[in-house]
Amino acid sequence: GKSYNVLNEVWICCSSFVGFMAHRLNSLLRVWFVF
């Protein structure tokens, strides 16, 4: 349940109650906007 598709950027916040958290970025996907 902790898999996300995000636009532009990823913000990762670690704190004492979260504990150790690793992350991985992969699979560039495209969204296209009409100009």
PDB file of all heavy atoms in Angstrom:
ATOM      1  N   GLY A   1       0.790  -1.220   0.000  1.00  0.00           N
ATOM      2  CA  GLY A   1       0.000   0.000   0.000  1.00  0.00           C
ATOM      3  C   GLY A   1       0.821   1.268   0.000  1.00  0.00           C
ATOM      4  O   GLY A   1       0.259   2.368   0.074  1.00  0.00           O
ATOM      5  N   LYS A   2       2.147   1.162  -0.082  1.00  0.00           N
ATOM      6  CA  LYS A   2       3.022   2.339  -0.063  1.00  0.00           C
ATOM      7  C   LYS A   2       3.733   2.496  -1.403  1.00  0.00           C
ATOM      8  O   LYS A   2       4.941   2.686  -1.486  1.00  0.00           O
ATOM      9  CB  LYS A   2       4.034   2.235   1.073  1.00  0.00           C
ATOM     10  CG  LYS A   2       3.417   2.177   2.457  1.00  0.00           C
ATOM     11  CD  LYS A   2       2.646   3.459   2.789  1.00  0.00           C
ATOM     12  CE  LYS A   2       2.084   3.413   4.208  1.00  0.00           C
ATOM     13  NZ  LYS A   2       1.334   4.655   4.535  1.00  0.00           N
ATOM     14  N   SER A   3       2.968   2.407  -2.461  1.00  0.00           N
ATOM     15  CA  SER A   3       3.488   2.612  -3.800  1.00  0.00           C
ATOM     16  C   SER A   3       2.725   3.769  -4.434  1.00  0.00           C
ATOM     17  O   SER A   3       1.488   3.798  -4.402  1.00  0.00           O
ATOM     18  CB  SER A   3       3.308   1.337  -4.641  1.00  0.00           C
ATOM     19  OG  SER A   3       3.730   1.536  -5.959  1.00  0.00           O
ATOM     20  N   TYR A   4       3.445   4.739  -4.989  1.00  0.00           N
ATOM     21  CA  TYR A   4       2.805   5.969  -5.455  1.00  0.00           C
ATOM     22  C   TYR A   4       3.338   6.374  -6.827  1.00  0.00           C
ATOM     23  O   TYR A   4       4.532   6.238  -7.105  1.00  0.00           O
ATOM     24  CB  TYR A   4       3.068   7.129  -4.486  1.00  0.00           C
ATOM     25  CG  TYR A   4       2.764   6.816  -3.041  1.00  0.00           C
ATOM     26  CD1 TYR A   4       3.764   6.357  -2.182  1.00  0.00           C
ATOM     27  CD2 TYR A   4       1.474   6.971  -2.526  1.00  0.00           C
ATOM     28  CE1 TYR A   4       3.491   6.061  -0.856  1.00  0.00           C
ATOM     29  CE2 TYR A   4       1.198   6.690  -1.193  1.00  0.00           C
ATOM     30  CZ  TYR A   4       2.206   6.231  -0.369  1.00  0.00           C
ATOM     31  OH  TYR A   4       1.950   5.943   0.953  1.00  0.00           O
ATOM     32  N   ASN A   5       2.440   6.883  -7.665  1.00  0.00           N
ATOM     33  CA  ASN A   5       2.835   7.600  -8.865  1.00  0.00           C
ATOM     34  C   ASN A   5       2.677   9.090  -8.578  1.00  0.00           C
ATOM     35  O   ASN A   5       1.596   9.533  -8.187  1.00  0.00           O
ATOM     36  CB  ASN A   5       1.961   7.199 -10.053  1.00  0.00           C
ATOM     37  CG  ASN A   5       2.213   5.780 -10.501  1.00  0.00           C
ATOM     38  OD1 ASN A   5       3.340   5.289 -10.415  1.00  0.00           O
ATOM     39  ND2 ASN A   5       1.181   5.101 -10.975  1.00  0.00           N
ATOM     40  N   VAL A   6       3.740   9.850  -8.766  1.00  0.00           N
ATOM     41  CA  VAL A   6       3.724  11.259  -8.373  1.00  0.00           C
ATOM     42  C   VAL A   6       4.150  12.129  -9.549  1.00  0.00           C
ATOM     43  O   VAL A   6       4.859  11.678 -10.458  1.00  0.00           O
ATOM     44  CB  VAL A   6       4.647  11.507  -7.165  1.00  0.00           C
ATOM     45  CG1 VAL A   6       4.172  10.718  -5.961  1.00  0.00           C
ATOM     46  CG2 VAL A   6       6.088  11.127  -7.491  1.00  0.00           C
ATOM     47  N   LEU A   7       3.720  13.360  -9.532  1.00  0.00           N
ATOM     48  CA  LEU A   7       4.025  14.313 -10.588  1.00  0.00           C
ATOM     49  C   LEU A   7       5.050  15.320 -10.077  1.00  0.00           C
ATOM     50  O   LEU A   7       4.902  15.864  -8.988  1.00  0.00           O
ATOM     51  CB  LEU A   7       2.738  15.038 -11.010  1.00  0.00           C
ATOM     52  CG  LEU A   7       2.810  15.954 -12.228  1.00  0.00           C
ATOM     53  CD1 LEU A   7       3.135  15.156 -13.485  1.00  0.00           C
ATOM     54  CD2 LEU A   7       1.483  16.695 -12.397  1.00  0.00           C
ATOM     55  N   ASN A   8       6.083  15.543 -10.849  1.00  0.00           N
ATOM     56  CA  ASN A   8       7.111  16.548 -10.607  1.00  0.00           C
ATOM     57  C   ASN A   8       8.163  16.140  -9.579  1.00  0.00           C
ATOM     58  O   ASN A   8       9.349  16.238  -9.843  1.00  0.00           O
ATOM     59  CB  ASN A   8       6.513  17.896 -10.175  1.00  0.00           C
ATOM     60  CG  ASN A   8       5.744  18.560 -11.289  1.00  0.00           C
ATOM     61  OD1 ASN A   8       5.999  18.306 -12.454  1.00  0.00           O
ATOM     62  ND2 ASN A   8       4.806  19.410 -10.915  1.00  0.00           N
ATOM     63  N   GLU A   9       7.750  15.727  -8.386  1.00  0.00           N
ATOM     64  CA  GLU A   9       8.760  15.505  -7.349  1.00  0.00           C
ATOM     65  C   GLU A   9       8.207  14.592  -6.260  1.00  0.00           C
ATOM     66  O   GLU A   9       6.999  14.367  -6.155  1.00  0.00           O
ATOM     67  CB  GLU A   9       9.183  16.831  -6.722  1.00  0.00           C
ATOM     68  CG  GLU A   9       8.036  17.570  -6.057  1.00  0.00           C
ATOM     69  CD  GLU A   9       8.408  18.987  -5.658  1.00  0.00           C
ATOM     70  OE1 GLU A   9       9.382  19.532  -6.208  1.00  0.00           O
ATOM     71  OE2 GLU A   9       7.726  19.535  -4.788  1.00  0.00           O
ATOM     72  N   VAL A  10       9.135  14.071  -5.447  1.00  0.00           N
ATOM     73  CA  VAL A  10       8.800  13.256  -4.281  1.00  0.00           C
ATOM     74  C   VAL A  10       9.372  13.942  -3.045  1.00  0.00           C
ATOM     75  O   VAL A  10      10.527  14.367  -3.038  1.00  0.00           O
ATOM     76  CB  VAL A  10       9.389  11.834  -4.396  1.00  0.00           C
ATOM     77  CG1 VAL A  10       9.023  11.016  -3.160  1.00  0.00           C
ATOM     78  CG2 VAL A  10       8.907  11.141  -5.651  1.00  0.00           C
ATOM     79  N   TRP A  11       8.567  14.084  -2.012  1.00  0.00           N
ATOM     80  CA  TRP A  11       9.028  14.644  -0.741  1.00  0.00           C
ATOM     81  C   TRP A  11       9.018  13.529   0.290  1.00  0.00           C
ATOM     82  O   TRP A  11       7.988  12.897   0.539  1.00  0.00           O
ATOM     83  CB  TRP A  11       8.113  15.785  -0.307  1.00  0.00           C
ATOM     84  CG  TRP A  11       8.530  16.426   0.982  1.00  0.00           C
ATOM     85  CD1 TRP A  11       9.780  16.838   1.326  1.00  0.00           C
ATOM     86  CD2 TRP A  11       7.691  16.728   2.100  1.00  0.00           C
ATOM     87  NE1 TRP A  11       9.770  17.390   2.580  1.00  0.00           N
ATOM     88  CE2 TRP A  11       8.509  17.336   3.083  1.00  0.00           C
ATOM     89  CE3 TRP A  11       6.327  16.563   2.354  1.00  0.00           C
ATOM     90  CZ2 TRP A  11       8.000  17.755   4.303  1.00  0.00           C
ATOM     91  CZ3 TRP A  11       5.830  16.980   3.572  1.00  0.00           C
ATOM     92  CH2 TRP A  11       6.657  17.578   4.529  1.00  0.00           C
ATOM     93  N   ILE A  12      10.153  13.279   0.894  1.00  0.00           N
ATOM     94  CA  ILE A  12      10.303  12.202   1.870  1.00  0.00           C
ATOM     95  C   ILE A  12      10.615  12.818   3.225  1.00  0.00           C
ATOM     96  O   ILE A  12      11.562  13.595   3.360  1.00  0.00           O
ATOM     97  CB  ILE A  12      11.413  11.225   1.461  1.00  0.00           C
ATOM     98  CG1 ILE A  12      11.083  10.617   0.090  1.00  0.00           C
ATOM     99  CG2 ILE A  12      11.585  10.142   2.505  1.00  0.00           C
ATOM    100  CD1 ILE A  12      12.191   9.780  -0.467  1.00  0.00           C
ATOM    101  N   CYS A  13       9.805  12.469   4.217  1.00  0.00           N
ATOM    102  CA  CYS A  13       9.984  13.012   5.562  1.00  0.00           C
ATOM    103  C   CYS A  13      10.227  11.865   6.533  1.00  0.00           C
ATOM    104  O   CYS A  13       9.417  10.942   6.619  1.00  0.00           O
ATOM    105  CB  CYS A  13       8.752  13.817   5.974  1.00  0.00           C
ATOM    106  SG  CYS A  13       8.833  14.468   7.654  1.00  0.00           S
ATOM    107  N   CYS A  14      11.327  11.916   7.251  1.00  0.00           N
ATOM    108  CA  CYS A  14      11.640  10.900   8.262  1.00  0.00           C
ATOM    109  C   CYS A  14      11.622  11.555   9.642  1.00  0.00           C
ATOM    110  O   CYS A  14      12.125  12.654   9.829  1.00  0.00           O
ATOM    111  CB  CYS A  14      13.015  10.299   8.012  1.00  0.00           C
ATOM    112  SG  CYS A  14      13.150   9.387   6.464  1.00  0.00           S
ATOM    113  N   SER A  15      11.024  10.879  10.615  1.00  0.00           N
ATOM    114  CA  SER A  15      11.012  11.388  11.981  1.00  0.00           C
ATOM    115  C   SER A  15      11.209  10.220  12.940  1.00  0.00           C
ATOM    116  O   SER A  15      11.251   9.066  12.534  1.00  0.00           O
ATOM    117  CB  SER A  15       9.700  12.123  12.267  1.00  0.00           C
ATOM    118  OG  SER A  15       8.601  11.239  12.165  1.00  0.00           O
ATOM    119  N   SER A  16      11.296  10.504  14.231  1.00  0.00           N
ATOM    120  CA  SER A  16      11.627   9.474  15.216  1.00  0.00           C
ATOM    121  C   SER A  16      10.592   8.366  15.264  1.00  0.00           C
ATOM    122  O   SER A  16      10.919   7.204  15.490  1.00  0.00           O
ATOM    123  CB  SER A  16      11.776  10.118  16.591  1.00  0.00           C
ATOM    124  OG  SER A  16      10.564  10.786  16.955  1.00  0.00           O
ATOM    125  N   PHE A  17       9.305   8.699  15.032  1.00  0.00           N
ATOM    126  CA  PHE A  17       8.289   7.660  15.148  1.00  0.00           C
ATOM    127  C   PHE A  17       8.130   6.883  13.850  1.00  0.00           C
ATOM    128  O   PHE A  17       7.521   5.822  13.832  1.00  0.00           O
ATOM    129  CB  PHE A  17       6.937   8.260  15.551  1.00  0.00           C
ATOM    130  CG  PHE A  17       6.351   9.211  14.548  1.00  0.00           C
ATOM    131  CD1 PHE A  17       5.551   8.747  13.510  1.00  0.00           C
ATOM    132  CD2 PHE A  17       6.589  10.573  14.650  1.00  0.00           C
ATOM    133  CE1 PHE A  17       5.005   9.627  12.596  1.00  0.00           C
ATOM    134  CE2 PHE A  17       6.049  11.450  13.721  1.00  0.00           C
ATOM    135  CZ  PHE A  17       5.268  10.986  12.695  1.00  0.00           C
ATOM    136  N   VAL A  18       8.695   7.388  12.777  1.00  0.00           N
ATOM    137  CA  VAL A  18       8.614   6.650  11.519  1.00  0.00           C
ATOM    138  C   VAL A  18       9.642   5.539  11.489  1.00  0.00           C
ATOM    139  O   VAL A  18       9.393   4.448  10.990  1.00  0.00           O
ATOM    140  CB  VAL A  18       8.812   7.613  10.316  1.00  0.00           C
ATOM    141  CG1 VAL A  18       8.876   6.823   9.017  1.00  0.00           C
ATOM    142  CG2 VAL A  18       7.672   8.621  10.264  1.00  0.00           C
ATOM    143  N   GLY A  19      10.822   5.800  12.068  1.00  0.00           N
ATOM    144  CA  GLY A  19      11.874   4.814  12.030  1.00  0.00           C
ATOM    145  C   GLY A  19      12.589   4.849  10.696  1.00  0.00           C
ATOM    146  O   GLY A  19      12.453   5.775   9.897  1.00  0.00           O
ATOM    147  N   PHE A  20      13.341   3.809  10.426  1.00  0.00           N
ATOM    148  CA  PHE A  20      14.119   3.772   9.191  1.00  0.00           C
ATOM    149  C   PHE A  20      13.195   3.618   7.989  1.00  0.00           C
ATOM    150  O   PHE A  20      12.285   2.802   7.982  1.00  0.00           O
ATOM    151  CB  PHE A  20      15.103   2.599   9.238  1.00  0.00           C
ATOM    152  CG  PHE A  20      15.848   2.395   7.943  1.00  0.00           C
ATOM    153  CD1 PHE A  20      16.887   3.234   7.583  1.00  0.00           C
ATOM    154  CD2 PHE A  20      15.476   1.377   7.085  1.00  0.00           C
ATOM    155  CE1 PHE A  20      17.566   3.043   6.396  1.00  0.00           C
ATOM    156  CE2 PHE A  20      16.142   1.193   5.895  1.00  0.00           C
ATOM    157  CZ  PHE A  20      17.201   2.023   5.545  1.00  0.00           C
ATOM    158  N   MET A  21      13.442   4.417   6.968  1.00  0.00           N
ATOM    159  CA  MET A  21      12.630   4.316   5.756  1.00  0.00           C
ATOM    160  C   MET A  21      13.557   4.433   4.549  1.00  0.00           C
ATOM    161  O   MET A  21      14.339   5.368   4.446  1.00  0.00           O
ATOM    162  CB  MET A  21      11.570   5.415   5.706  1.00  0.00           C
ATOM    163  CG  MET A  21      10.694   5.360   4.456  1.00  0.00           C
ATOM    164  SD  MET A  21       9.316   6.540   4.559  1.00  0.00           S
ATOM    165  CE  MET A  21      10.202   8.091   4.590  1.00  0.00           C
ATOM    166  N   ALA A  22      13.470   3.479   3.688  1.00  0.00           N
ATOM    167  CA  ALA A  22      14.231   3.539   2.447  1.00  0.00           C
ATOM    168  C   ALA A  22      13.264   3.844   1.316  1.00  0.00           C
ATOM    169  O   ALA A  22      12.045   3.678   1.445  1.00  0.00           O
ATOM    170  CB  ALA A  22      14.928   2.200   2.194  1.00  0.00           C
ATOM    171  N   HIS A  23      13.787   4.308   0.226  1.00  0.00           N
ATOM    172  CA  HIS A  23      12.911   4.610  -0.897  1.00  0.00           C
ATOM    173  C   HIS A  23      13.600   4.238  -2.200  1.00  0.00           C
ATOM    174  O   HIS A  23      14.807   4.097  -2.282  1.00  0.00           O
ATOM    175  CB  HIS A  23      12.540   6.096  -0.909  1.00  0.00           C
ATOM    176  CG  HIS A  23      13.671   6.992  -1.295  1.00  0.00           C
ATOM    177  ND1 HIS A  23      14.635   7.371  -0.394  1.00  0.00           N
ATOM    178  CD2 HIS A  23      13.989   7.562  -2.486  1.00  0.00           C
ATOM    179  CE1 HIS A  23      15.509   8.155  -0.999  1.00  0.00           C
ATOM    180  NE2 HIS A  23      15.149   8.289  -2.270  1.00  0.00           N
ATOM    181  N   ARG A  24      12.794   4.058  -3.202  1.00  0.00           N
ATOM    182  CA  ARG A  24      13.310   3.734  -4.505  1.00  0.00           C
ATOM    183  C   ARG A  24      12.453   4.438  -5.541  1.00  0.00           C
ATOM    184  O   ARG A  24      11.217   4.427  -5.449  1.00  0.00           O
ATOM    185  CB  ARG A  24      13.250   2.212  -4.733  1.00  0.00           C
ATOM    186  CG  ARG A  24      13.760   1.779  -6.114  1.00  0.00           C
ATOM    187  CD  ARG A  24      13.679   0.261  -6.250  1.00  0.00           C
ATOM    188  NE  ARG A  24      12.303  -0.195  -6.205  1.00  0.00           N
ATOM    189  CZ  ARG A  24      11.935  -1.420  -5.874  1.00  0.00           C
ATOM    190  NH1 ARG A  24      12.847  -2.291  -5.519  1.00  0.00           N
ATOM    191  NH2 ARG A  24      10.665  -1.765  -5.876  1.00  0.00           N
ATOM    192  N   LEU A  25      13.084   5.060  -6.494  1.00  0.00           N
ATOM    193  CA  LEU A  25      12.378   5.714  -7.582  1.00  0.00           C
ATOM    194  C   LEU A  25      12.671   4.938  -8.865  1.00  0.00           C
ATOM    195  O   LEU A  25      13.816   4.614  -9.152  1.00  0.00           O
ATOM    196  CB  LEU A  25      12.832   7.171  -7.746  1.00  0.00           C
ATOM    197  CG  LEU A  25      12.660   8.068  -6.520  1.00  0.00           C
ATOM    198  CD1 LEU A  25      13.182   9.467  -6.833  1.00  0.00           C
ATOM    199  CD2 LEU A  25      11.202   8.131  -6.109  1.00  0.00           C
ATOM    200  N   ASN A  26      11.630   4.647  -9.596  1.00  0.00           N
ATOM    201  CA  ASN A  26      11.836   3.958 -10.869  1.00  0.00           C
ATOM    202  C   ASN A  26      10.685   4.278 -11.809  1.00  0.00           C
ATOM    203  O   ASN A  26       9.776   5.040 -11.481  1.00  0.00           O
ATOM    204  CB  ASN A  26      11.949   2.438 -10.659  1.00  0.00           C
ATOM    205  CG  ASN A  26      10.777   1.868  -9.877  1.00  0.00           C
ATOM    206  OD1 ASN A  26       9.654   2.323 -10.042  1.00  0.00           O
ATOM    207  ND2 ASN A  26      11.026   0.894  -9.025  1.00  0.00           N
ATOM    208  N   SER A  27      10.730   3.714 -12.998  1.00  0.00           N
ATOM    209  CA  SER A  27       9.638   3.761 -13.966  1.00  0.00           C
ATOM    210  C   SER A  27       9.130   5.174 -14.221  1.00  0.00           C
ATOM    211  O   SER A  27       8.156   5.620 -13.613  1.00  0.00           O
ATOM    212  CB  SER A  27       8.466   2.882 -13.507  1.00  0.00           C
ATOM    213  OG  SER A  27       8.889   1.559 -13.366  1.00  0.00           O
ATOM    214  N   LEU A  28       9.794   5.899 -15.090  1.00  0.00           N
ATOM    215  CA  LEU A  28       9.308   7.215 -15.472  1.00  0.00           C
ATOM    216  C   LEU A  28       8.044   7.051 -16.319  1.00  0.00           C
ATOM    217  O   LEU A  28       8.028   6.330 -17.305  1.00  0.00           O
ATOM    218  CB  LEU A  28      10.379   7.966 -16.271  1.00  0.00           C
ATOM    219  CG  LEU A  28      11.613   8.400 -15.465  1.00  0.00           C
ATOM    220  CD1 LEU A  28      12.606   9.093 -16.390  1.00  0.00           C
ATOM    221  CD2 LEU A  28      11.216   9.327 -14.347  1.00  0.00           C
ATOM    222  N   LEU A  29       6.986   7.712 -15.900  1.00  0.00           N
ATOM    223  CA  LEU A  29       5.710   7.666 -16.616  1.00  0.00           C
ATOM    224  C   LEU A  29       5.405   9.050 -17.140  1.00  0.00           C
ATOM    225  O   LEU A  29       5.867  10.054 -16.610  1.00  0.00           O
ATOM    226  CB  LEU A  29       4.585   7.204 -15.678  1.00  0.00           C
ATOM    227  CG  LEU A  29       4.817   5.873 -14.968  1.00  0.00           C
ATOM    228  CD1 LEU A  29       3.728   5.646 -13.935  1.00  0.00           C
ATOM    229  CD2 LEU A  29       4.845   4.742 -15.972  1.00  0.00           C
ATOM    230  N   ARG A  30       4.586   9.138 -18.159  1.00  0.00           N
ATOM    231  CA  ARG A  30       4.290  10.428 -18.763  1.00  0.00           C
ATOM    232  C   ARG A  30       2.822  10.789 -18.585  1.00  0.00           C
ATOM    233  O   ARG A  30       1.933   9.963 -18.717  1.00  0.00           O
ATOM    234  CB  ARG A  30       4.623  10.431 -20.266  1.00  0.00           C
ATOM    235  CG  ARG A  30       6.113  10.321 -20.572  1.00  0.00           C
ATOM    236  CD  ARG A  30       6.361  10.553 -22.055  1.00  0.00           C
ATOM    237  NE  ARG A  30       7.730  10.271 -22.436  1.00  0.00           N
ATOM    238  CZ  ARG A  30       8.725  11.132 -22.379  1.00  0.00           C
ATOM    239  NH1 ARG A  30       8.502  12.350 -21.930  1.00  0.00           N
ATOM    240  NH2 ARG A  30       9.940  10.803 -22.757  1.00  0.00           N
ATOM    241  N   VAL A  31       2.589  12.061 -18.271  1.00  0.00           N
ATOM    242  CA  VAL A  31       1.257  12.655 -18.318  1.00  0.00           C
ATOM    243  C   VAL A  31       1.351  13.790 -19.315  1.00  0.00           C
ATOM    244  O   VAL A  31       2.303  14.555 -19.307  1.00  0.00           O
ATOM    245  CB  VAL A  31       0.836  13.221 -16.945  1.00  0.00           C
ATOM    246  CG1 VAL A  31      -0.554  13.818 -17.016  1.00  0.00           C
ATOM    247  CG2 VAL A  31       0.861  12.111 -15.902  1.00  0.00           C
ATOM    248  N   TRP A  32       0.366  13.931 -20.173  1.00  0.00           N
ATOM    249  CA  TRP A  32       0.472  14.975 -21.176  1.00  0.00           C
ATOM    250  C   TRP A  32      -0.685  15.940 -21.066  1.00  0.00           C
ATOM    251  O   TRP A  32      -1.809  15.577 -20.832  1.00  0.00           O
ATOM    252  CB  TRP A  32       0.621  14.407 -22.569  1.00  0.00           C
ATOM    253  CG  TRP A  32      -0.210  13.229 -22.932  1.00  0.00           C
ATOM    254  CD1 TRP A  32      -0.709  12.248 -22.120  1.00  0.00           C
ATOM    255  CD2 TRP A  32      -0.619  12.863 -24.241  1.00  0.00           C
ATOM    256  NE1 TRP A  32      -1.398  11.319 -22.822  1.00  0.00           N
ATOM    257  CE2 TRP A  32      -1.363  11.670 -24.127  1.00  0.00           C
ATOM    258  CE3 TRP A  32      -0.434  13.415 -25.500  1.00  0.00           C
ATOM    259  CZ2 TRP A  32      -1.927  11.038 -25.234  1.00  0.00           C
ATOM    260  CZ3 TRP A  32      -0.990  12.780 -26.584  1.00  0.00           C
ATOM    261  CH2 TRP A  32      -1.720  11.599 -26.457  1.00  0.00           C
ATOM    262  N   PHE A  33      -0.361  17.236 -21.215  1.00  0.00           N
ATOM    263  CA  PHE A  33      -1.304  18.316 -21.049  1.00  0.00           C
ATOM    264  C   PHE A  33      -1.482  19.042 -22.366  1.00  0.00           C
ATOM    265  O   PHE A  33      -0.522  19.328 -23.081  1.00  0.00           O
ATOM    266  CB  PHE A  33      -0.785  19.322 -19.999  1.00  0.00           C
ATOM    267  CG  PHE A  33      -0.648  18.742 -18.629  1.00  0.00           C
ATOM    268  CD1 PHE A  33       0.477  18.046 -18.252  1.00  0.00           C
ATOM    269  CD2 PHE A  33      -1.669  18.888 -17.703  1.00  0.00           C
ATOM    270  CE1 PHE A  33       0.611  17.509 -16.991  1.00  0.00           C
ATOM    271  CE2 PHE A  33      -1.544  18.353 -16.430  1.00  0.00           C
ATOM    272  CZ  PHE A  33      -0.411  17.681 -16.072  1.00  0.00           C
ATOM    273  N   VAL A  34      -2.719  19.356 -22.689  1.00  0.00           N
ATOM    274  CA  VAL A  34      -2.981  20.176 -23.859  1.00  0.00           C
ATOM    275  C   VAL A  34      -2.561  21.604 -23.563  1.00  0.00           C
ATOM    276  O   VAL A  34      -2.888  22.157 -22.508  1.00  0.00           O
ATOM    277  CB  VAL A  34      -4.464  20.120 -24.255  1.00  0.00           C
ATOM    278  CG1 VAL A  34      -4.757  21.074 -25.407  1.00  0.00           C
ATOM    279  CG2 VAL A  34      -4.853  18.702 -24.631  1.00  0.00           C
ATOM    280  N   PHE A  35      -1.808  22.189 -24.465  1.00  0.00           N
ATOM    281  CA  PHE A  35      -1.241  23.517 -24.272  1.00  0.00           C
ATOM    282  C   PHE A  35      -2.205  24.574 -24.804  1.00  0.00           C
ATOM    283  O   PHE A  35      -2.760  24.440 -25.879  1.00  0.00           O
ATOM    284  CB  PHE A  35       0.100  23.600 -25.009  1.00  0.00           C
ATOM    285  CG  PHE A  35       0.796  24.927 -24.905  1.00  0.00           C
ATOM    286  CD1 PHE A  35       1.160  25.431 -23.675  1.00  0.00           C
ATOM    287  CD2 PHE A  35       1.072  25.671 -26.043  1.00  0.00           C
ATOM    288  CE1 PHE A  35       1.810  26.659 -23.580  1.00  0.00           C
ATOM    289  CE2 PHE A  35       1.710  26.884 -25.960  1.00  0.00           C
ATOM    290  CZ  PHE A  35       2.075  27.373 -24.729  1.00  0.00           C
TER     291      PHE A  35
END
